[in-house]
Amino acid sequence: HEHVTDAVAAGARLRAGGAVPDGPGSLYPATVLTDCDPAMRVLREETFGPVAPVCVVDDFAEALARACDDIYGLAATVLTRSMEHAQHAWRSLPVGTVKVNAVFGGAPGGAAHPRRASGHGYGYGPELLDELTATKVVHLEPAP
């Protein structure tokens, strides 16, 4: 919630949500902020909440440059009608997961690959087992 209140205080417009609900078991509501500035904490830190900060950019190149100018690298979502832009984004973005025109889901059994300040290692899938175990090769022949 602190990211939302900081953004609003710095000039972002609250379009939906943004209020902490009362009562036990309450969940933070889906929140949309517009007129966000790249210097705002909501865009510079990982929020891990249902908050969508919106920035308007002039073109795809500016959007990609802003997305790459970040210390975190867990995931990115790219919304585009252009397959060329989609391919350029997934090759350029320094993140572990890129979703094109999607916000949820992934390959069943697929692994999360966080990058940079978002962490290291794998989140799930067979790659996690590989990371938690050490392979040993043994060549065994019967005794003479």
N, C-alpha and C. Protein backbone atom coordinates (compact mmCIF):
# COMPACT_ATOMS: atom_id res chain seq x y z
N HIS A 1 0.82 -1.19 0.00
CA HIS A 1 0.00 0.00 0.00
C HIS A 1 0.87 1.26 0.00
N GLU A 2 2.04 1.14 0.61
CA GLU A 2 2.95 2.28 0.67
C GLU A 2 3.36 2.75 -0.72
N HIS A 3 3.58 1.82 -1.63
CA HIS A 3 3.94 2.20 -3.01
C HIS A 3 2.81 3.01 -3.64
N VAL A 4 1.58 2.62 -3.39
CA VAL A 4 0.42 3.32 -3.97
C VAL A 4 0.31 4.72 -3.38
N THR A 5 0.38 4.84 -2.08
CA THR A 5 0.24 6.16 -1.46
C THR A 5 1.39 7.08 -1.86
N ASP A 6 2.60 6.54 -1.97
CA ASP A 6 3.74 7.35 -2.42
C ASP A 6 3.52 7.84 -3.85
N ALA A 7 3.02 6.97 -4.72
CA ALA A 7 2.79 7.35 -6.11
C ALA A 7 1.73 8.44 -6.22
N VAL A 8 0.65 8.29 -5.48
CA VAL A 8 -0.42 9.30 -5.51
C VAL A 8 0.10 10.63 -4.99
N ALA A 9 0.90 10.59 -3.93
CA ALA A 9 1.47 11.83 -3.38
C ALA A 9 2.41 12.50 -4.38
N ALA A 10 3.03 11.70 -5.26
CA ALA A 10 3.96 12.24 -6.26
C ALA A 10 3.27 12.60 -7.58
N GLY A 11 1.95 12.45 -7.65
CA GLY A 11 1.23 12.90 -8.84
C GLY A 11 0.51 11.84 -9.65
N ALA A 12 0.65 10.57 -9.27
CA ALA A 12 -0.09 9.52 -10.00
C ALA A 12 -1.58 9.66 -9.70
N ARG A 13 -2.39 9.22 -10.64
CA ARG A 13 -3.85 9.26 -10.46
C ARG A 13 -4.35 7.86 -10.14
N LEU A 14 -5.08 7.76 -9.05
CA LEU A 14 -5.66 6.48 -8.63
C LEU A 14 -6.95 6.27 -9.40
N ARG A 15 -6.98 5.23 -10.23
CA ARG A 15 -8.15 4.95 -11.08
C ARG A 15 -9.05 3.87 -10.52
N ALA A 16 -8.48 2.96 -9.73
CA ALA A 16 -9.27 1.88 -9.13
C ALA A 16 -8.51 1.35 -7.93
N GLY A 17 -9.25 0.87 -6.93
CA GLY A 17 -8.64 0.25 -5.76
C GLY A 17 -7.90 1.24 -4.89
N GLY A 18 -6.81 0.76 -4.30
CA GLY A 18 -5.93 1.62 -3.53
C GLY A 18 -6.31 1.85 -2.09
N ALA A 19 -7.40 1.26 -1.61
CA ALA A 19 -7.82 1.43 -0.22
C ALA A 19 -7.62 0.13 0.53
N VAL A 20 -7.05 0.22 1.72
CA VAL A 20 -6.84 -0.98 2.53
C VAL A 20 -8.19 -1.38 3.14
N PRO A 21 -8.67 -2.59 2.85
CA PRO A 21 -9.98 -3.01 3.38
C PRO A 21 -9.91 -3.31 4.87
N ASP A 22 -11.04 -3.18 5.52
CA ASP A 22 -11.15 -3.48 6.95
C ASP A 22 -11.45 -4.96 7.15
N GLY A 23 -11.11 -5.44 8.32
CA GLY A 23 -11.51 -6.78 8.72
C GLY A 23 -10.46 -7.83 8.47
N PRO A 24 -10.52 -8.89 9.26
CA PRO A 24 -9.57 -9.99 9.09
C PRO A 24 -9.82 -10.74 7.78
N GLY A 25 -8.76 -11.18 7.17
CA GLY A 25 -8.87 -11.93 5.93
C GLY A 25 -9.11 -11.08 4.71
N SER A 26 -9.08 -9.78 4.87
CA SER A 26 -9.29 -8.90 3.73
C SER A 26 -8.06 -8.89 2.83
N LEU A 27 -8.30 -8.76 1.55
CA LEU A 27 -7.21 -8.73 0.58
C LEU A 27 -7.13 -7.34 -0.04
N TYR A 28 -5.91 -6.95 -0.40
CA TYR A 28 -5.72 -5.65 -1.04
C TYR A 28 -6.39 -5.69 -2.42
N PRO A 29 -7.15 -4.67 -2.76
CA PRO A 29 -7.90 -4.70 -4.02
C PRO A 29 -7.02 -4.44 -5.24
N ALA A 30 -7.46 -4.95 -6.37
CA ALA A 30 -6.78 -4.63 -7.63
C ALA A 30 -6.74 -3.12 -7.76
N THR A 31 -5.56 -2.59 -8.06
CA THR A 31 -5.35 -1.14 -8.06
C THR A 31 -4.70 -0.72 -9.36
N VAL A 32 -5.22 0.35 -9.94
CA VAL A 32 -4.67 0.90 -11.18
C VAL A 32 -4.27 2.35 -10.94
N LEU A 33 -3.03 2.67 -11.29
CA LEU A 33 -2.49 4.03 -11.20
C LEU A 33 -2.11 4.49 -12.60
N THR A 34 -2.48 5.72 -12.95
CA THR A 34 -2.04 6.29 -14.23
C THR A 34 -1.18 7.51 -13.95
N ASP A 35 -0.60 8.04 -15.01
CA ASP A 35 0.29 9.22 -14.89
C ASP A 35 1.47 8.92 -13.98
N CYS A 36 1.98 7.71 -14.05
CA CYS A 36 3.12 7.34 -13.22
C CYS A 36 4.41 7.83 -13.85
N ASP A 37 5.34 8.16 -12.99
CA ASP A 37 6.65 8.67 -13.41
C ASP A 37 7.69 7.58 -13.12
N PRO A 38 8.68 7.41 -13.98
CA PRO A 38 9.67 6.35 -13.77
C PRO A 38 10.42 6.43 -12.44
N ALA A 39 10.44 7.59 -11.81
CA ALA A 39 11.14 7.71 -10.53
C ALA A 39 10.32 7.22 -9.34
N MET A 40 9.05 6.94 -9.54
CA MET A 40 8.18 6.51 -8.43
C MET A 40 8.56 5.11 -7.94
N ARG A 41 8.47 4.91 -6.63
CA ARG A 41 8.81 3.61 -6.04
C ARG A 41 7.98 2.48 -6.62
N VAL A 42 6.73 2.77 -6.99
CA VAL A 42 5.86 1.73 -7.53
C VAL A 42 6.42 1.18 -8.85
N LEU A 43 7.29 1.94 -9.50
CA LEU A 43 7.95 1.48 -10.72
C LEU A 43 9.40 1.08 -10.49
N ARG A 44 9.99 1.43 -9.36
CA ARG A 44 11.40 1.16 -9.11
C ARG A 44 11.63 -0.01 -8.16
N GLU A 45 10.59 -0.45 -7.45
CA GLU A 45 10.71 -1.54 -6.49
C GLU A 45 9.66 -2.61 -6.81
N GLU A 46 9.93 -3.83 -6.36
CA GLU A 46 8.95 -4.90 -6.57
C GLU A 46 7.80 -4.74 -5.58
N THR A 47 6.60 -4.61 -6.11
CA THR A 47 5.43 -4.38 -5.27
C THR A 47 4.83 -5.68 -4.75
N PHE A 48 4.79 -6.72 -5.55
CA PHE A 48 4.18 -8.01 -5.19
C PHE A 48 2.77 -7.83 -4.67
N GLY A 49 1.98 -7.11 -5.40
CA GLY A 49 0.58 -6.93 -5.07
C GLY A 49 -0.18 -6.64 -6.34
N PRO A 50 -1.49 -6.62 -6.26
CA PRO A 50 -2.31 -6.40 -7.46
C PRO A 50 -2.36 -4.91 -7.83
N VAL A 51 -1.19 -4.37 -8.20
CA VAL A 51 -1.07 -2.95 -8.53
C VAL A 51 -0.52 -2.82 -9.94
N ALA A 52 -1.24 -2.07 -10.78
CA ALA A 52 -0.81 -1.84 -12.16
C ALA A 52 -0.49 -0.36 -12.34
N PRO A 53 0.79 0.01 -12.28
CA PRO A 53 1.17 1.39 -12.56
C PRO A 53 1.31 1.57 -14.07
N VAL A 54 0.69 2.61 -14.61
CA VAL A 54 0.67 2.82 -16.06
C VAL A 54 1.47 4.07 -16.41
N CYS A 55 2.38 3.90 -17.38
CA CYS A 55 3.16 5.02 -17.94
C CYS A 55 2.88 5.06 -19.43
N VAL A 56 2.70 6.24 -19.96
CA VAL A 56 2.53 6.39 -21.40
C VAL A 56 3.90 6.72 -21.99
N VAL A 57 4.27 6.01 -23.04
CA VAL A 57 5.54 6.25 -23.72
C VAL A 57 5.27 6.57 -25.18
N ASP A 58 6.27 7.12 -25.85
CA ASP A 58 6.10 7.53 -27.24
C ASP A 58 6.12 6.37 -28.22
N ASP A 59 6.93 5.33 -27.92
CA ASP A 59 7.04 4.24 -28.88
C ASP A 59 7.59 2.98 -28.20
N PHE A 60 7.68 1.91 -28.98
CA PHE A 60 8.15 0.63 -28.47
C PHE A 60 9.57 0.72 -27.93
N ALA A 61 10.44 1.44 -28.63
CA ALA A 61 11.83 1.55 -28.20
C ALA A 61 11.93 2.18 -26.81
N GLU A 62 11.14 3.21 -26.56
CA GLU A 62 11.15 3.84 -25.24
C GLU A 62 10.60 2.89 -24.18
N ALA A 63 9.55 2.16 -24.52
CA ALA A 63 8.98 1.21 -23.57
C ALA A 63 10.00 0.14 -23.20
N LEU A 64 10.70 -0.39 -24.19
CA LEU A 64 11.70 -1.43 -23.94
C LEU A 64 12.87 -0.87 -23.13
N ALA A 65 13.30 0.34 -23.45
CA ALA A 65 14.40 0.95 -22.71
C ALA A 65 14.03 1.14 -21.24
N ARG A 66 12.81 1.59 -20.99
CA ARG A 66 12.37 1.78 -19.60
C ARG A 66 12.28 0.45 -18.88
N ALA A 67 11.78 -0.56 -19.55
CA ALA A 67 11.65 -1.88 -18.92
C ALA A 67 13.02 -2.47 -18.59
N CYS A 68 14.01 -2.20 -19.41
CA CYS A 68 15.36 -2.72 -19.17
C CYS A 68 16.10 -1.92 -18.10
N ASP A 69 15.67 -0.69 -17.84
CA ASP A 69 16.32 0.19 -16.87
C ASP A 69 15.77 -0.10 -15.48
N ASP A 70 16.08 -1.27 -14.97
CA ASP A 70 15.53 -1.69 -13.70
C ASP A 70 16.50 -2.69 -13.09
N ILE A 71 16.56 -2.73 -11.77
CA ILE A 71 17.47 -3.69 -11.14
C ILE A 71 16.84 -5.06 -10.96
N TYR A 72 15.53 -5.15 -11.16
CA TYR A 72 14.84 -6.42 -10.94
C TYR A 72 14.67 -7.18 -12.25
N GLY A 73 14.42 -8.47 -12.15
CA GLY A 73 14.30 -9.25 -13.35
C GLY A 73 13.48 -10.52 -13.19
N LEU A 74 12.40 -10.45 -12.43
CA LEU A 74 11.58 -11.64 -12.25
C LEU A 74 10.78 -11.95 -13.51
N ALA A 75 9.96 -11.00 -13.96
CA ALA A 75 9.10 -11.26 -15.10
C ALA A 75 8.72 -9.95 -15.79
N ALA A 76 8.27 -10.07 -17.02
CA ALA A 76 7.78 -8.92 -17.78
C ALA A 76 6.60 -9.37 -18.61
N THR A 77 5.66 -8.46 -18.79
CA THR A 77 4.52 -8.70 -19.66
C THR A 77 4.59 -7.71 -20.80
N VAL A 78 4.49 -8.21 -22.02
CA VAL A 78 4.56 -7.37 -23.22
C VAL A 78 3.21 -7.46 -23.93
N LEU A 79 2.59 -6.32 -24.15
CA LEU A 79 1.32 -6.27 -24.88
C LEU A 79 1.59 -5.64 -26.24
N THR A 80 1.44 -6.42 -27.30
CA THR A 80 1.75 -5.92 -28.64
C THR A 80 1.01 -6.73 -29.69
N ARG A 81 0.74 -6.09 -30.82
CA ARG A 81 0.19 -6.81 -31.98
C ARG A 81 1.32 -7.22 -32.93
N SER A 82 2.53 -6.77 -32.65
CA SER A 82 3.66 -6.99 -33.54
C SER A 82 4.51 -8.16 -33.08
N MET A 83 4.60 -9.20 -33.89
CA MET A 83 5.47 -10.33 -33.56
C MET A 83 6.93 -9.89 -33.54
N GLU A 84 7.29 -8.94 -34.39
CA GLU A 84 8.67 -8.42 -34.38
C GLU A 84 8.99 -7.78 -33.03
N HIS A 85 8.07 -6.96 -32.52
CA HIS A 85 8.28 -6.35 -31.21
C HIS A 85 8.32 -7.41 -30.11
N ALA A 86 7.45 -8.40 -30.18
CA ALA A 86 7.42 -9.46 -29.18
C ALA A 86 8.76 -10.19 -29.13
N GLN A 87 9.28 -10.57 -30.29
CA GLN A 87 10.56 -11.28 -30.34
C GLN A 87 11.70 -10.40 -29.84
N HIS A 88 11.70 -9.15 -30.24
CA HIS A 88 12.75 -8.23 -29.78
C HIS A 88 12.68 -8.09 -28.26
N ALA A 89 11.48 -8.00 -27.72
CA ALA A 89 11.32 -7.86 -26.27
C ALA A 89 11.83 -9.09 -25.53
N TRP A 90 11.42 -10.29 -25.94
CA TRP A 90 11.83 -11.46 -25.16
C TRP A 90 13.32 -11.73 -25.28
N ARG A 91 13.93 -11.26 -26.36
CA ARG A 91 15.39 -11.42 -26.49
C ARG A 91 16.14 -10.36 -25.70
N SER A 92 15.54 -9.20 -25.50
CA SER A 92 16.23 -8.06 -24.87
C SER A 92 15.98 -7.91 -23.38
N LEU A 93 14.80 -8.26 -22.92
CA LEU A 93 14.46 -8.02 -21.52
C LEU A 93 15.28 -8.92 -20.59
N PRO A 94 15.97 -8.34 -19.62
CA PRO A 94 16.80 -9.12 -18.70
C PRO A 94 15.97 -9.70 -17.55
N VAL A 95 14.99 -10.53 -17.90
CA VAL A 95 14.09 -11.14 -16.92
C VAL A 95 14.02 -12.63 -17.14
N GLY A 96 13.51 -13.34 -16.14
CA GLY A 96 13.41 -14.78 -16.24
C GLY A 96 12.21 -15.28 -17.00
N THR A 97 11.11 -14.53 -16.98
CA THR A 97 9.89 -14.94 -17.66
C THR A 97 9.33 -13.76 -18.43
N VAL A 98 9.03 -13.97 -19.70
CA VAL A 98 8.38 -12.94 -20.52
C VAL A 98 7.04 -13.51 -20.98
N LYS A 99 5.98 -12.78 -20.70
CA LYS A 99 4.64 -13.17 -21.14
C LYS A 99 4.21 -12.18 -22.21
N VAL A 100 3.86 -12.68 -23.37
CA VAL A 100 3.43 -11.82 -24.47
C VAL A 100 1.91 -11.93 -24.58
N ASN A 101 1.25 -10.80 -24.42
CA ASN A 101 -0.22 -10.72 -24.48
C ASN A 101 -0.88 -11.67 -23.49
N ALA A 102 -0.23 -11.92 -22.38
CA ALA A 102 -0.76 -12.79 -21.33
C ALA A 102 -0.31 -12.22 -19.99
N VAL A 103 -1.10 -12.46 -18.97
CA VAL A 103 -0.69 -12.00 -17.65
C VAL A 103 -0.58 -13.14 -16.64
N PHE A 104 -1.21 -14.27 -16.91
CA PHE A 104 -1.16 -15.40 -16.00
C PHE A 104 -0.64 -16.62 -16.74
N GLY A 105 -0.27 -17.59 -15.95
CA GLY A 105 0.05 -18.90 -16.51
C GLY A 105 1.48 -19.03 -16.96
N GLY A 106 1.75 -20.18 -17.42
CA GLY A 106 3.07 -20.54 -17.89
C GLY A 106 3.00 -21.98 -18.33
N ALA A 107 4.09 -22.49 -18.74
CA ALA A 107 4.12 -23.89 -19.15
C ALA A 107 4.00 -24.78 -17.92
N PRO A 108 3.10 -25.76 -17.95
CA PRO A 108 3.00 -26.67 -16.81
C PRO A 108 4.34 -27.33 -16.54
N GLY A 109 4.78 -27.25 -15.30
CA GLY A 109 6.07 -27.83 -14.94
C GLY A 109 7.23 -26.95 -15.29
N GLY A 110 6.97 -25.80 -15.89
CA GLY A 110 8.05 -24.89 -16.24
C GLY A 110 8.65 -24.26 -14.99
N ALA A 111 9.82 -23.73 -15.14
CA ALA A 111 10.52 -23.15 -14.00
C ALA A 111 10.54 -21.64 -14.07
N ALA A 112 10.57 -21.01 -12.90
CA ALA A 112 10.76 -19.56 -12.83
C ALA A 112 12.27 -19.32 -12.77
N HIS A 113 12.73 -18.36 -13.52
CA HIS A 113 14.15 -18.04 -13.58
C HIS A 113 14.37 -16.58 -13.22
N PRO A 114 14.30 -16.20 -11.94
CA PRO A 114 14.49 -14.80 -11.61
C PRO A 114 15.89 -14.33 -11.98
N ARG A 115 16.00 -13.05 -12.28
CA ARG A 115 17.29 -12.47 -12.66
C ARG A 115 17.57 -11.24 -11.80
N ARG A 116 18.81 -10.84 -11.81
CA ARG A 116 19.27 -9.62 -11.17
C ARG A 116 18.80 -9.55 -9.71
N ALA A 117 18.29 -8.42 -9.24
CA ALA A 117 17.94 -8.27 -7.83
C ALA A 117 16.68 -9.03 -7.43
N SER A 118 16.02 -9.70 -8.38
CA SER A 118 14.83 -10.49 -8.04
C SER A 118 15.20 -11.85 -7.46
N GLY A 119 16.44 -12.24 -7.55
CA GLY A 119 16.86 -13.50 -6.98
C GLY A 119 17.62 -14.35 -7.97
N HIS A 120 18.03 -15.49 -7.49
CA HIS A 120 18.79 -16.42 -8.32
C HIS A 120 18.22 -17.81 -8.12
N GLY A 121 18.40 -18.65 -9.09
CA GLY A 121 17.94 -20.02 -8.96
C GLY A 121 16.60 -20.23 -9.61
N TYR A 122 15.97 -21.33 -9.26
CA TYR A 122 14.72 -21.73 -9.88
C TYR A 122 13.61 -21.77 -8.86
N GLY A 123 12.40 -21.49 -9.29
CA GLY A 123 11.27 -21.46 -8.38
C GLY A 123 10.52 -22.76 -8.29
N TYR A 124 10.47 -23.53 -9.36
CA TYR A 124 9.72 -24.78 -9.36
C TYR A 124 10.09 -25.54 -10.63
N GLY A 125 9.56 -26.73 -10.75
CA GLY A 125 9.85 -27.54 -11.93
C GLY A 125 11.06 -28.43 -11.71
N PRO A 126 11.39 -29.23 -12.72
CA PRO A 126 12.51 -30.16 -12.57
C PRO A 126 13.84 -29.45 -12.36
N GLU A 127 13.95 -28.21 -12.83
CA GLU A 127 15.20 -27.47 -12.64
C GLU A 127 15.48 -27.21 -11.17
N LEU A 128 14.42 -27.04 -10.37
CA LEU A 128 14.61 -26.85 -8.93
C LEU A 128 15.25 -28.09 -8.32
N LEU A 129 14.77 -29.26 -8.70
CA LEU A 129 15.36 -30.50 -8.19
C LEU A 129 16.83 -30.58 -8.58
N ASP A 130 17.15 -30.20 -9.81
CA ASP A 130 18.54 -30.20 -10.25
C ASP A 130 19.39 -29.27 -9.40
N GLU A 131 18.83 -28.12 -9.03
CA GLU A 131 19.58 -27.16 -8.25
C GLU A 131 19.81 -27.65 -6.82
N LEU A 132 18.90 -28.45 -6.30
CA LEU A 132 19.00 -28.91 -4.92
C LEU A 132 19.74 -30.23 -4.77
N THR A 133 20.16 -30.81 -5.86
CA THR A 133 20.87 -32.08 -5.81
C THR A 133 22.19 -31.95 -6.56
N ALA A 134 23.07 -32.87 -6.30
CA ALA A 134 24.35 -32.91 -7.01
C ALA A 134 24.42 -34.23 -7.76
N THR A 135 24.71 -34.14 -9.02
CA THR A 135 24.82 -35.34 -9.84
C THR A 135 26.19 -35.96 -9.62
N LYS A 136 26.20 -37.27 -9.47
CA LYS A 136 27.47 -37.99 -9.36
C LYS A 136 27.46 -39.09 -10.39
N VAL A 137 28.51 -39.17 -11.15
CA VAL A 137 28.63 -40.20 -12.17
C VAL A 137 29.48 -41.33 -11.60
N VAL A 138 28.97 -42.54 -11.68
CA VAL A 138 29.70 -43.71 -11.19
C VAL A 138 29.84 -44.69 -12.34
N HIS A 139 31.05 -45.09 -12.63
CA HIS A 139 31.30 -46.13 -13.64
C HIS A 139 31.55 -47.42 -12.87
N LEU A 140 30.72 -48.39 -13.08
CA LEU A 140 30.79 -49.63 -12.30
C LEU A 140 30.92 -50.81 -13.25
N GLU A 141 31.90 -51.60 -12.98
CA GLU A 141 32.06 -52.84 -13.73
C GLU A 141 32.10 -53.98 -12.73
N PRO A 142 31.64 -55.14 -13.15
CA PRO A 142 31.66 -56.27 -12.22
C PRO A 142 33.10 -56.62 -11.80
N ALA A 143 33.23 -57.13 -10.58
CA ALA A 143 34.55 -57.53 -10.10
C ALA A 143 35.06 -58.70 -10.94
N PRO A 144 36.40 -58.79 -11.13
CA PRO A 144 36.94 -59.91 -11.94
C PRO A 144 36.79 -61.24 -11.25
